[in-house]
N, C-alpha and C. Protein backbone atom coordinates (compact mmCIF):
# COMPACT_ATOMS: atom_id res chain seq x y z
N ASP A 1 -6.08 -20.68 19.23
CA ASP A 1 -6.73 -20.48 20.53
C ASP A 1 -7.66 -19.27 20.53
N GLY A 2 -7.90 -18.67 19.37
CA GLY A 2 -8.85 -17.55 19.29
C GLY A 2 -8.24 -16.19 19.47
N ARG A 3 -6.94 -16.12 19.78
CA ARG A 3 -6.29 -14.81 19.95
C ARG A 3 -5.67 -14.35 18.63
N PHE A 4 -5.61 -13.05 18.43
CA PHE A 4 -5.01 -12.51 17.22
C PHE A 4 -3.50 -12.77 17.22
N VAL A 5 -2.98 -13.05 16.04
CA VAL A 5 -1.54 -13.25 15.86
C VAL A 5 -1.00 -12.05 15.09
N ALA A 6 0.12 -11.50 15.54
CA ALA A 6 0.68 -10.31 14.91
C ALA A 6 1.08 -10.60 13.45
N PRO A 7 0.92 -9.61 12.55
CA PRO A 7 1.23 -9.82 11.13
C PRO A 7 2.66 -10.29 10.88
N ASP A 8 3.62 -9.79 11.69
CA ASP A 8 5.02 -10.18 11.43
C ASP A 8 5.27 -11.65 11.76
N GLN A 9 4.36 -12.29 12.50
CA GLN A 9 4.43 -13.73 12.75
C GLN A 9 3.56 -14.48 11.74
N PHE A 10 2.38 -13.95 11.50
CA PHE A 10 1.37 -14.63 10.69
C PHE A 10 1.73 -14.69 9.21
N ILE A 11 2.18 -13.56 8.67
CA ILE A 11 2.41 -13.49 7.22
C ILE A 11 3.56 -14.39 6.76
N PRO A 12 4.72 -14.39 7.44
CA PRO A 12 5.79 -15.31 7.00
C PRO A 12 5.35 -16.78 7.02
N LEU A 13 4.56 -17.17 8.02
CA LEU A 13 4.07 -18.55 8.09
C LEU A 13 3.10 -18.84 6.95
N ALA A 14 2.25 -17.86 6.65
CA ALA A 14 1.29 -18.03 5.54
C ALA A 14 2.04 -18.17 4.21
N GLU A 15 3.14 -17.40 4.07
CA GLU A 15 3.93 -17.47 2.83
C GLU A 15 4.65 -18.81 2.72
N GLN A 16 5.28 -19.23 3.82
CA GLN A 16 6.04 -20.48 3.80
C GLN A 16 5.15 -21.69 3.52
N SER A 17 3.93 -21.66 4.03
CA SER A 17 3.02 -22.80 3.87
C SER A 17 2.28 -22.78 2.54
N GLY A 18 2.32 -21.63 1.84
CA GLY A 18 1.57 -21.50 0.60
C GLY A 18 0.14 -21.02 0.82
N LEU A 19 -0.27 -20.89 2.08
CA LEU A 19 -1.64 -20.46 2.38
C LEU A 19 -1.88 -18.99 2.01
N ILE A 20 -0.79 -18.24 1.78
CA ILE A 20 -0.94 -16.83 1.42
C ILE A 20 -1.73 -16.69 0.11
N ILE A 21 -1.70 -17.70 -0.76
CA ILE A 21 -2.40 -17.61 -2.05
C ILE A 21 -3.93 -17.59 -1.84
N PRO A 22 -4.53 -18.60 -1.16
CA PRO A 22 -5.98 -18.49 -0.90
C PRO A 22 -6.34 -17.36 0.05
N ILE A 23 -5.47 -17.07 1.04
CA ILE A 23 -5.75 -15.95 1.95
C ILE A 23 -5.75 -14.64 1.16
N GLY A 24 -4.77 -14.49 0.26
CA GLY A 24 -4.69 -13.27 -0.56
C GLY A 24 -5.91 -13.07 -1.41
N GLU A 25 -6.44 -14.16 -1.97
CA GLU A 25 -7.66 -14.04 -2.78
C GLU A 25 -8.85 -13.65 -1.91
N PHE A 26 -8.94 -14.25 -0.72
CA PHE A 26 -10.02 -13.89 0.21
C PHE A 26 -9.95 -12.40 0.56
N VAL A 27 -8.74 -11.92 0.85
CA VAL A 27 -8.56 -10.50 1.20
C VAL A 27 -8.98 -9.60 0.04
N MET A 28 -8.55 -9.95 -1.18
CA MET A 28 -8.88 -9.13 -2.34
C MET A 28 -10.39 -9.09 -2.58
N ARG A 29 -11.04 -10.24 -2.48
CA ARG A 29 -12.49 -10.30 -2.72
C ARG A 29 -13.26 -9.55 -1.62
N THR A 30 -12.76 -9.65 -0.39
CA THR A 30 -13.38 -8.92 0.73
C THR A 30 -13.22 -7.41 0.51
N ALA A 31 -12.03 -6.99 0.06
CA ALA A 31 -11.78 -5.58 -0.21
C ALA A 31 -12.71 -5.05 -1.30
N CYS A 32 -12.89 -5.84 -2.37
CA CYS A 32 -13.78 -5.43 -3.46
C CYS A 32 -15.22 -5.29 -2.98
N ALA A 33 -15.65 -6.24 -2.14
CA ALA A 33 -17.02 -6.20 -1.61
C ALA A 33 -17.21 -4.97 -0.73
N GLN A 34 -16.22 -4.65 0.12
CA GLN A 34 -16.34 -3.48 0.99
C GLN A 34 -16.27 -2.18 0.18
N LEU A 35 -15.44 -2.18 -0.85
CA LEU A 35 -15.37 -1.01 -1.73
C LEU A 35 -16.74 -0.73 -2.36
N LYS A 36 -17.41 -1.78 -2.80
CA LYS A 36 -18.74 -1.64 -3.40
C LYS A 36 -19.72 -1.03 -2.39
N VAL A 37 -19.64 -1.48 -1.14
CA VAL A 37 -20.49 -0.94 -0.08
C VAL A 37 -20.22 0.55 0.10
N MET A 38 -18.93 0.93 0.16
CA MET A 38 -18.57 2.34 0.37
C MET A 38 -19.07 3.21 -0.78
N GLN A 39 -18.99 2.68 -2.01
CA GLN A 39 -19.47 3.44 -3.16
C GLN A 39 -20.99 3.62 -3.10
N LYS A 40 -21.69 2.58 -2.67
CA LYS A 40 -23.15 2.68 -2.54
C LYS A 40 -23.54 3.70 -1.47
N ARG A 41 -22.64 3.89 -0.49
CA ARG A 41 -22.91 4.87 0.58
C ARG A 41 -22.54 6.28 0.13
N GLY A 42 -22.11 6.43 -1.12
CA GLY A 42 -21.85 7.76 -1.65
C GLY A 42 -20.40 8.17 -1.70
N HIS A 43 -19.49 7.28 -1.33
CA HIS A 43 -18.05 7.61 -1.33
C HIS A 43 -17.45 7.17 -2.67
N ALA A 44 -17.76 7.91 -3.71
CA ALA A 44 -17.38 7.51 -5.08
C ALA A 44 -15.87 7.46 -5.29
N ASP A 45 -15.13 8.32 -4.58
CA ASP A 45 -13.67 8.40 -4.80
C ASP A 45 -12.89 7.61 -3.75
N PHE A 46 -13.56 6.71 -3.04
CA PHE A 46 -12.92 5.92 -1.99
C PHE A 46 -11.83 5.04 -2.59
N ARG A 47 -10.63 5.07 -1.99
CA ARG A 47 -9.51 4.27 -2.49
C ARG A 47 -9.17 3.17 -1.47
N MET A 48 -9.23 1.94 -1.91
CA MET A 48 -8.95 0.79 -1.05
C MET A 48 -7.54 0.29 -1.36
N SER A 49 -6.72 0.16 -0.31
CA SER A 49 -5.36 -0.35 -0.51
C SER A 49 -5.26 -1.78 0.00
N VAL A 50 -4.60 -2.63 -0.76
CA VAL A 50 -4.44 -4.05 -0.40
C VAL A 50 -2.97 -4.43 -0.53
N ASN A 51 -2.41 -4.99 0.54
CA ASN A 51 -1.02 -5.45 0.50
C ASN A 51 -0.90 -6.76 -0.26
N VAL A 52 0.17 -6.88 -1.05
CA VAL A 52 0.42 -8.07 -1.85
C VAL A 52 1.81 -8.61 -1.50
N SER A 53 1.93 -9.92 -1.36
CA SER A 53 3.23 -10.53 -1.04
C SER A 53 3.92 -11.02 -2.31
N MET A 54 5.22 -11.29 -2.20
CA MET A 54 5.97 -11.77 -3.35
C MET A 54 5.47 -13.14 -3.81
N ALA A 55 5.01 -13.95 -2.85
CA ALA A 55 4.48 -15.27 -3.20
C ALA A 55 3.26 -15.13 -4.11
N GLN A 56 2.40 -14.16 -3.82
CA GLN A 56 1.24 -13.90 -4.68
C GLN A 56 1.69 -13.40 -6.05
N PHE A 57 2.64 -12.47 -6.01
CA PHE A 57 3.16 -11.86 -7.23
C PHE A 57 3.71 -12.91 -8.19
N ARG A 58 4.37 -13.92 -7.64
CA ARG A 58 4.99 -14.96 -8.45
C ARG A 58 3.98 -16.02 -8.93
N HIS A 59 2.81 -16.07 -8.31
CA HIS A 59 1.86 -17.13 -8.61
C HIS A 59 1.30 -16.96 -10.02
N PRO A 60 1.29 -18.01 -10.83
CA PRO A 60 0.84 -17.87 -12.23
C PRO A 60 -0.62 -17.44 -12.39
N GLY A 61 -1.44 -17.66 -11.36
CA GLY A 61 -2.85 -17.28 -11.46
C GLY A 61 -3.18 -15.93 -10.85
N PHE A 62 -2.15 -15.15 -10.49
CA PHE A 62 -2.37 -13.89 -9.76
C PHE A 62 -3.22 -12.89 -10.54
N ILE A 63 -2.85 -12.61 -11.79
CA ILE A 63 -3.58 -11.61 -12.59
C ILE A 63 -5.01 -12.08 -12.86
N GLU A 64 -5.15 -13.36 -13.14
CA GLU A 64 -6.49 -13.92 -13.36
C GLU A 64 -7.36 -13.77 -12.11
N MET A 65 -6.75 -13.99 -10.93
CA MET A 65 -7.46 -13.82 -9.67
C MET A 65 -7.92 -12.38 -9.49
N LEU A 66 -7.02 -11.42 -9.77
CA LEU A 66 -7.37 -10.01 -9.64
C LEU A 66 -8.54 -9.63 -10.56
N ALA A 67 -8.47 -10.07 -11.80
CA ALA A 67 -9.54 -9.77 -12.77
C ALA A 67 -10.86 -10.37 -12.31
N GLY A 68 -10.82 -11.61 -11.80
CA GLY A 68 -12.04 -12.26 -11.32
C GLY A 68 -12.64 -11.56 -10.12
N ALA A 69 -11.79 -11.12 -9.21
CA ALA A 69 -12.27 -10.41 -8.01
C ALA A 69 -12.96 -9.10 -8.39
N LEU A 70 -12.38 -8.38 -9.36
CA LEU A 70 -12.99 -7.13 -9.83
C LEU A 70 -14.35 -7.41 -10.47
N GLN A 71 -14.37 -8.38 -11.34
CA GLN A 71 -15.61 -8.69 -12.07
C GLN A 71 -16.71 -9.15 -11.12
N ASP A 72 -16.38 -10.08 -10.23
CA ASP A 72 -17.38 -10.61 -9.30
C ASP A 72 -17.83 -9.56 -8.29
N GLY A 73 -16.90 -8.64 -7.93
CA GLY A 73 -17.25 -7.60 -6.96
C GLY A 73 -17.98 -6.42 -7.59
N GLY A 74 -17.95 -6.34 -8.93
CA GLY A 74 -18.62 -5.24 -9.61
C GLY A 74 -17.98 -3.90 -9.37
N VAL A 75 -16.64 -3.90 -9.25
CA VAL A 75 -15.92 -2.64 -9.00
C VAL A 75 -14.82 -2.46 -10.04
N SER A 76 -14.28 -1.24 -10.09
CA SER A 76 -13.21 -0.92 -11.03
C SER A 76 -11.87 -0.96 -10.32
N GLY A 77 -10.85 -1.38 -11.04
CA GLY A 77 -9.50 -1.38 -10.49
C GLY A 77 -9.00 0.02 -10.17
N HIS A 78 -9.63 1.05 -10.75
CA HIS A 78 -9.17 2.43 -10.53
C HIS A 78 -9.37 2.88 -9.08
N ASN A 79 -10.20 2.18 -8.32
CA ASN A 79 -10.42 2.54 -6.92
C ASN A 79 -9.62 1.67 -5.96
N ILE A 80 -8.75 0.81 -6.50
CA ILE A 80 -7.97 -0.08 -5.64
C ILE A 80 -6.48 0.12 -5.89
N GLU A 81 -5.74 0.19 -4.81
CA GLU A 81 -4.29 0.32 -4.90
C GLU A 81 -3.63 -0.92 -4.31
N LEU A 82 -2.73 -1.52 -5.05
CA LEU A 82 -1.97 -2.66 -4.55
C LEU A 82 -0.64 -2.16 -3.98
N GLU A 83 -0.31 -2.63 -2.79
CA GLU A 83 0.93 -2.20 -2.15
C GLU A 83 1.95 -3.34 -2.19
N ILE A 84 3.13 -3.03 -2.72
CA ILE A 84 4.24 -3.98 -2.70
C ILE A 84 5.38 -3.33 -1.91
N THR A 85 6.21 -4.15 -1.29
CA THR A 85 7.31 -3.59 -0.51
C THR A 85 8.46 -3.18 -1.43
N GLU A 86 9.33 -2.35 -0.90
CA GLU A 86 10.48 -1.89 -1.68
C GLU A 86 11.38 -3.08 -2.05
N SER A 87 11.57 -4.01 -1.11
CA SER A 87 12.42 -5.17 -1.40
C SER A 87 11.82 -6.03 -2.52
N MET A 88 10.48 -6.16 -2.54
CA MET A 88 9.81 -6.88 -3.63
C MET A 88 10.07 -6.21 -4.97
N ALA A 89 9.95 -4.89 -4.97
CA ALA A 89 10.09 -4.13 -6.21
C ALA A 89 11.48 -4.31 -6.82
N MET A 90 12.47 -4.57 -5.98
CA MET A 90 13.85 -4.68 -6.46
C MET A 90 14.30 -6.13 -6.67
N GLU A 91 13.47 -7.11 -6.26
CA GLU A 91 13.94 -8.50 -6.18
C GLU A 91 14.15 -9.16 -7.54
N ASP A 92 13.16 -9.11 -8.40
CA ASP A 92 13.23 -9.81 -9.68
C ASP A 92 12.67 -8.85 -10.73
N SER A 93 13.55 -8.03 -11.29
CA SER A 93 13.10 -6.89 -12.10
C SER A 93 12.24 -7.31 -13.29
N ASP A 94 12.63 -8.37 -13.98
CA ASP A 94 11.86 -8.78 -15.17
C ASP A 94 10.44 -9.20 -14.79
N LEU A 95 10.34 -10.02 -13.73
CA LEU A 95 9.02 -10.47 -13.25
C LEU A 95 8.19 -9.27 -12.79
N VAL A 96 8.80 -8.42 -11.98
CA VAL A 96 8.07 -7.28 -11.41
C VAL A 96 7.55 -6.35 -12.51
N LEU A 97 8.40 -6.04 -13.48
CA LEU A 97 7.97 -5.16 -14.57
C LEU A 97 6.83 -5.77 -15.37
N ARG A 98 6.91 -7.08 -15.61
CA ARG A 98 5.88 -7.77 -16.39
C ARG A 98 4.54 -7.79 -15.63
N VAL A 99 4.60 -8.16 -14.35
CA VAL A 99 3.36 -8.26 -13.56
C VAL A 99 2.76 -6.87 -13.34
N LEU A 100 3.62 -5.87 -13.08
CA LEU A 100 3.10 -4.51 -12.89
C LEU A 100 2.38 -4.01 -14.14
N ALA A 101 2.90 -4.34 -15.31
CA ALA A 101 2.24 -3.93 -16.56
C ALA A 101 0.85 -4.55 -16.66
N ASP A 102 0.72 -5.83 -16.27
CA ASP A 102 -0.59 -6.50 -16.29
C ASP A 102 -1.54 -5.87 -15.26
N ILE A 103 -1.00 -5.55 -14.09
CA ILE A 103 -1.80 -4.93 -13.02
C ILE A 103 -2.35 -3.58 -13.50
N LYS A 104 -1.48 -2.80 -14.13
CA LYS A 104 -1.89 -1.47 -14.60
C LYS A 104 -2.96 -1.58 -15.68
N ARG A 105 -2.88 -2.64 -16.51
CA ARG A 105 -3.89 -2.83 -17.55
C ARG A 105 -5.27 -3.07 -16.96
N LEU A 106 -5.31 -3.62 -15.75
CA LEU A 106 -6.58 -3.84 -15.06
C LEU A 106 -7.08 -2.57 -14.37
N GLY A 107 -6.27 -1.52 -14.39
CA GLY A 107 -6.70 -0.24 -13.83
C GLY A 107 -6.23 0.06 -12.43
N PHE A 108 -5.56 -0.90 -11.77
CA PHE A 108 -5.10 -0.68 -10.40
C PHE A 108 -4.01 0.39 -10.35
N SER A 109 -3.93 1.11 -9.24
CA SER A 109 -2.75 1.90 -8.96
C SER A 109 -1.84 1.07 -8.06
N VAL A 110 -0.56 1.45 -7.97
CA VAL A 110 0.42 0.66 -7.22
C VAL A 110 1.24 1.58 -6.32
N ALA A 111 1.44 1.14 -5.09
CA ALA A 111 2.27 1.89 -4.15
C ALA A 111 3.44 1.03 -3.71
N ILE A 112 4.59 1.66 -3.48
CA ILE A 112 5.73 0.96 -2.87
C ILE A 112 5.71 1.27 -1.38
N ASP A 113 5.50 0.22 -0.59
CA ASP A 113 5.36 0.32 0.86
C ASP A 113 6.73 0.29 1.53
N ASP A 114 6.80 0.83 2.75
CA ASP A 114 8.03 0.79 3.57
C ASP A 114 9.22 1.40 2.84
N PHE A 115 9.00 2.41 2.02
CA PHE A 115 10.11 2.94 1.23
C PHE A 115 11.15 3.60 2.13
N GLY A 116 12.41 3.36 1.79
CA GLY A 116 13.53 3.91 2.57
C GLY A 116 14.21 2.85 3.41
N THR A 117 13.54 1.67 3.56
CA THR A 117 14.13 0.62 4.39
C THR A 117 15.02 -0.32 3.58
N GLY A 118 14.89 -0.28 2.25
CA GLY A 118 15.68 -1.16 1.39
C GLY A 118 16.74 -0.37 0.65
N PHE A 119 17.26 -0.99 -0.39
CA PHE A 119 18.30 -0.34 -1.19
C PHE A 119 17.86 -0.33 -2.64
N SER A 120 17.09 0.69 -3.00
CA SER A 120 16.54 0.73 -4.34
C SER A 120 17.58 1.17 -5.36
N SER A 121 17.50 0.56 -6.53
CA SER A 121 18.24 1.04 -7.67
C SER A 121 17.39 2.15 -8.29
N LEU A 122 17.95 3.34 -8.38
CA LEU A 122 17.15 4.46 -8.90
C LEU A 122 16.78 4.26 -10.36
N SER A 123 17.66 3.63 -11.12
CA SER A 123 17.33 3.40 -12.52
C SER A 123 16.18 2.41 -12.63
N GLN A 124 16.15 1.41 -11.74
CA GLN A 124 15.06 0.44 -11.76
C GLN A 124 13.76 1.07 -11.26
N LEU A 125 13.88 1.89 -10.21
CA LEU A 125 12.70 2.57 -9.67
C LEU A 125 12.03 3.42 -10.75
N ARG A 126 12.85 4.05 -11.58
CA ARG A 126 12.33 4.92 -12.65
C ARG A 126 11.53 4.12 -13.67
N GLN A 127 11.88 2.83 -13.86
CA GLN A 127 11.19 2.00 -14.84
C GLN A 127 9.86 1.45 -14.33
N LEU A 128 9.71 1.39 -13.02
CA LEU A 128 8.53 0.76 -12.43
C LEU A 128 7.27 1.59 -12.68
N GLN A 129 6.18 0.91 -13.02
CA GLN A 129 4.90 1.59 -13.21
C GLN A 129 4.19 1.67 -11.86
N VAL A 130 4.65 2.61 -11.04
CA VAL A 130 4.03 2.80 -9.72
C VAL A 130 3.50 4.22 -9.61
N ASP A 131 2.60 4.43 -8.64
CA ASP A 131 1.92 5.71 -8.48
C ASP A 131 2.30 6.44 -7.20
N ARG A 132 2.64 5.65 -6.15
CA ARG A 132 2.90 6.25 -4.86
C ARG A 132 4.11 5.63 -4.18
N LEU A 133 4.81 6.46 -3.40
CA LEU A 133 5.86 5.98 -2.49
C LEU A 133 5.36 6.22 -1.08
N LYS A 134 5.51 5.22 -0.22
CA LYS A 134 5.10 5.36 1.17
C LYS A 134 6.34 5.43 2.05
N ILE A 135 6.52 6.55 2.75
CA ILE A 135 7.66 6.70 3.64
C ILE A 135 7.44 5.81 4.86
N ASP A 136 8.39 4.92 5.14
CA ASP A 136 8.24 4.01 6.25
C ASP A 136 8.05 4.76 7.57
N ARG A 137 7.21 4.20 8.44
CA ARG A 137 6.86 4.87 9.71
C ARG A 137 8.09 5.15 10.57
N ALA A 138 9.14 4.34 10.45
CA ALA A 138 10.34 4.56 11.27
C ALA A 138 10.93 5.94 11.00
N PHE A 139 10.91 6.38 9.74
CA PHE A 139 11.49 7.68 9.40
C PHE A 139 10.54 8.82 9.79
N VAL A 140 9.25 8.52 9.79
CA VAL A 140 8.28 9.52 10.26
C VAL A 140 8.50 9.76 11.75
N GLN A 141 8.71 8.67 12.51
CA GLN A 141 8.93 8.79 13.97
C GLN A 141 10.23 9.54 14.26
N GLU A 142 11.26 9.30 13.41
CA GLU A 142 12.58 9.88 13.66
C GLU A 142 12.75 11.26 13.04
N ALA A 143 11.83 11.63 12.16
CA ALA A 143 12.02 12.84 11.34
C ALA A 143 12.28 14.09 12.17
N GLN A 144 11.62 14.23 13.33
CA GLN A 144 11.80 15.43 14.14
C GLN A 144 12.85 15.27 15.22
N SER A 145 13.26 14.02 15.47
CA SER A 145 14.18 13.79 16.59
C SER A 145 15.61 13.52 16.16
N SER A 146 15.82 13.15 14.89
CA SER A 146 17.20 12.89 14.44
C SER A 146 17.42 13.48 13.05
N SER A 147 18.62 13.95 12.83
CA SER A 147 18.93 14.55 11.52
C SER A 147 18.91 13.49 10.43
N ALA A 148 19.30 12.24 10.78
CA ALA A 148 19.29 11.17 9.78
C ALA A 148 17.86 10.86 9.34
N GLY A 149 16.94 10.76 10.30
CA GLY A 149 15.54 10.49 9.98
C GLY A 149 14.95 11.60 9.14
N SER A 150 15.26 12.83 9.49
CA SER A 150 14.77 13.99 8.75
C SER A 150 15.33 14.00 7.33
N THR A 151 16.61 13.68 7.20
CA THR A 151 17.26 13.67 5.88
C THR A 151 16.63 12.63 4.97
N ILE A 152 16.39 11.43 5.51
CA ILE A 152 15.80 10.36 4.69
C ILE A 152 14.37 10.72 4.30
N ALA A 153 13.60 11.26 5.24
CA ALA A 153 12.22 11.66 4.92
C ALA A 153 12.22 12.70 3.81
N GLN A 154 13.09 13.70 3.91
CA GLN A 154 13.16 14.74 2.88
C GLN A 154 13.61 14.16 1.54
N MET A 155 14.57 13.22 1.60
CA MET A 155 15.09 12.59 0.39
C MET A 155 13.98 11.82 -0.34
N VAL A 156 13.17 11.06 0.42
CA VAL A 156 12.10 10.27 -0.19
C VAL A 156 11.05 11.19 -0.80
N VAL A 157 10.70 12.26 -0.10
CA VAL A 157 9.73 13.22 -0.65
C VAL A 157 10.26 13.82 -1.95
N ASN A 158 11.51 14.26 -1.93
CA ASN A 158 12.10 14.86 -3.13
C ASN A 158 12.17 13.86 -4.28
N LEU A 159 12.57 12.62 -3.96
CA LEU A 159 12.67 11.58 -4.97
C LEU A 159 11.30 11.30 -5.59
N GLY A 160 10.30 11.12 -4.73
CA GLY A 160 8.95 10.84 -5.21
C GLY A 160 8.42 11.96 -6.09
N ARG A 161 8.57 13.18 -5.62
CA ARG A 161 8.07 14.32 -6.39
C ARG A 161 8.83 14.45 -7.72
N GLY A 162 10.14 14.18 -7.67
CA GLY A 162 10.94 14.26 -8.89
C GLY A 162 10.53 13.23 -9.93
N LEU A 163 10.02 12.08 -9.45
CA LEU A 163 9.57 11.03 -10.37
C LEU A 163 8.09 11.18 -10.73
N GLY A 164 7.46 12.23 -10.22
CA GLY A 164 6.05 12.47 -10.53
C GLY A 164 5.11 11.56 -9.74
N LEU A 165 5.56 11.08 -8.58
CA LEU A 165 4.75 10.17 -7.77
C LEU A 165 4.13 10.92 -6.58
N THR A 166 3.02 10.38 -6.08
CA THR A 166 2.44 10.87 -4.84
C THR A 166 3.22 10.25 -3.69
N VAL A 167 3.50 11.04 -2.65
CA VAL A 167 4.25 10.54 -1.50
C VAL A 167 3.33 10.51 -0.27
N ILE A 168 3.26 9.33 0.37
CA ILE A 168 2.44 9.14 1.57
C ILE A 168 3.37 8.86 2.74
N ALA A 169 3.13 9.52 3.87
CA ALA A 169 3.88 9.22 5.10
C ALA A 169 3.04 8.29 5.97
N GLU A 170 3.67 7.20 6.41
CA GLU A 170 2.98 6.22 7.26
C GLU A 170 3.23 6.53 8.74
N GLY A 171 2.28 6.14 9.57
CA GLY A 171 2.49 6.17 11.02
C GLY A 171 2.46 7.56 11.63
N ILE A 172 1.65 8.47 11.08
CA ILE A 172 1.54 9.81 11.67
C ILE A 172 0.65 9.75 12.91
N GLU A 173 1.21 10.16 14.05
CA GLU A 173 0.48 10.04 15.31
C GLU A 173 0.20 11.39 15.96
N THR A 174 0.92 12.44 15.55
CA THR A 174 0.71 13.75 16.18
C THR A 174 0.51 14.84 15.12
N GLU A 175 -0.12 15.92 15.55
CA GLU A 175 -0.33 17.05 14.66
C GLU A 175 1.01 17.67 14.24
N GLU A 176 1.99 17.63 15.17
CA GLU A 176 3.32 18.17 14.85
C GLU A 176 3.96 17.38 13.70
N GLN A 177 3.84 16.06 13.74
CA GLN A 177 4.37 15.23 12.66
C GLN A 177 3.68 15.56 11.34
N ARG A 178 2.37 15.72 11.40
CA ARG A 178 1.61 16.03 10.18
C ARG A 178 2.10 17.34 9.57
N GLN A 179 2.21 18.37 10.40
CA GLN A 179 2.63 19.68 9.90
C GLN A 179 4.05 19.63 9.36
N TYR A 180 4.93 18.88 10.05
CA TYR A 180 6.33 18.77 9.62
C TYR A 180 6.41 18.13 8.23
N LEU A 181 5.65 17.05 8.01
CA LEU A 181 5.68 16.33 6.74
C LEU A 181 5.03 17.13 5.62
N VAL A 182 3.98 17.87 5.94
CA VAL A 182 3.40 18.78 4.94
C VAL A 182 4.45 19.81 4.54
N GLY A 183 5.22 20.28 5.53
CA GLY A 183 6.29 21.24 5.27
C GLY A 183 7.38 20.68 4.38
N LEU A 184 7.62 19.36 4.48
CA LEU A 184 8.63 18.71 3.62
C LEU A 184 8.12 18.55 2.19
N GLY A 185 6.79 18.70 1.99
CA GLY A 185 6.22 18.54 0.65
C GLY A 185 5.49 17.23 0.45
N CYS A 186 5.22 16.51 1.56
CA CYS A 186 4.51 15.23 1.49
C CYS A 186 3.05 15.48 1.09
N HIS A 187 2.52 14.64 0.18
CA HIS A 187 1.17 14.85 -0.32
C HIS A 187 0.09 14.30 0.60
N GLU A 188 0.31 13.11 1.14
CA GLU A 188 -0.72 12.41 1.91
C GLU A 188 -0.12 11.79 3.16
N GLY A 189 -1.00 11.43 4.10
CA GLY A 189 -0.54 10.77 5.32
C GLY A 189 -1.53 9.75 5.81
N GLN A 190 -1.03 8.79 6.56
CA GLN A 190 -1.92 7.84 7.22
C GLN A 190 -1.37 7.58 8.62
N GLY A 191 -2.26 7.25 9.53
CA GLY A 191 -1.80 6.97 10.89
C GLY A 191 -2.89 7.25 11.91
N TRP A 192 -2.54 7.01 13.16
CA TRP A 192 -3.51 7.12 14.25
C TRP A 192 -4.00 8.54 14.49
N LEU A 193 -3.28 9.54 14.01
CA LEU A 193 -3.77 10.92 14.13
C LEU A 193 -5.13 11.05 13.45
N PHE A 194 -5.30 10.35 12.35
CA PHE A 194 -6.54 10.45 11.56
C PHE A 194 -7.57 9.43 12.03
N ALA A 195 -7.16 8.18 12.22
CA ALA A 195 -8.06 7.13 12.71
C ALA A 195 -7.24 5.88 13.01
N LYS A 196 -7.71 5.10 13.96
CA LYS A 196 -7.10 3.80 14.23
C LYS A 196 -7.81 2.74 13.39
N PRO A 197 -7.18 1.58 13.20
CA PRO A 197 -7.85 0.50 12.48
C PRO A 197 -9.19 0.18 13.15
N MET A 198 -10.19 -0.10 12.33
CA MET A 198 -11.53 -0.35 12.87
C MET A 198 -12.30 -1.32 11.97
N PRO A 199 -13.30 -2.01 12.53
CA PRO A 199 -14.13 -2.89 11.71
C PRO A 199 -14.89 -2.09 10.65
N ALA A 200 -15.33 -2.79 9.60
CA ALA A 200 -15.98 -2.13 8.47
C ALA A 200 -17.19 -1.28 8.88
N GLU A 201 -18.01 -1.80 9.80
CA GLU A 201 -19.21 -1.05 10.19
C GLU A 201 -18.83 0.28 10.85
N GLU A 202 -17.78 0.26 11.68
CA GLU A 202 -17.33 1.50 12.32
C GLU A 202 -16.76 2.45 11.29
N LEU A 203 -16.05 1.91 10.30
CA LEU A 203 -15.50 2.76 9.23
C LEU A 203 -16.61 3.48 8.48
N GLU A 204 -17.68 2.75 8.17
CA GLU A 204 -18.81 3.35 7.44
C GLU A 204 -19.39 4.52 8.24
N ALA A 205 -19.53 4.33 9.57
CA ALA A 205 -20.07 5.40 10.42
C ALA A 205 -19.08 6.56 10.50
N TRP A 206 -17.78 6.23 10.59
CA TRP A 206 -16.73 7.27 10.68
C TRP A 206 -16.72 8.11 9.41
N MET A 207 -16.82 7.46 8.25
CA MET A 207 -16.83 8.17 6.97
C MET A 207 -18.07 9.07 6.86
N LYS A 208 -19.18 8.57 7.37
CA LYS A 208 -20.41 9.36 7.34
C LYS A 208 -20.26 10.64 8.15
N ARG A 209 -19.59 10.53 9.30
CA ARG A 209 -19.35 11.72 10.16
C ARG A 209 -18.38 12.68 9.50
């Protein structure tokens, strides 16, 4: 009917129907094209993050699709980060390790999204070829209001730093949250404090400013 559908409704349906495979390729190719635009505008170190689902990860043509998108878009994998969820990272260790190795060979960096919401095996986490841990927004929201939220946020930061990973906090909405997470040792942040989601043209103007 022309109205937007929330991701938590849309993505499971796309996965169940198998449409996530062509949608995922469209998203990747669109991301590569926009990355090329940003680089032409002078943002040489611009990093584009793209979420990947387990259905894509399992698809036999996934790596070939990634390589084709890079080649056709005229961009390097070094400027693109693929985000997988913590539950994905722990689901099928042999598959995940194999696919991650192929992804890294193409130059992509990898982030584990929503970290802290699942039950990671630390020995398995240590084996994964990933670059960043993203603290789930729920713990960012709770970090200043509950001791449990604060403890988990600190634990994820310490774990990430101990493994030599960059730690990103999701869902930062206030300056107080930003300062608190910097104080915990968090390297990077994302959220409405910095900018809200916006169309590509607005992003280009925002970056210029």
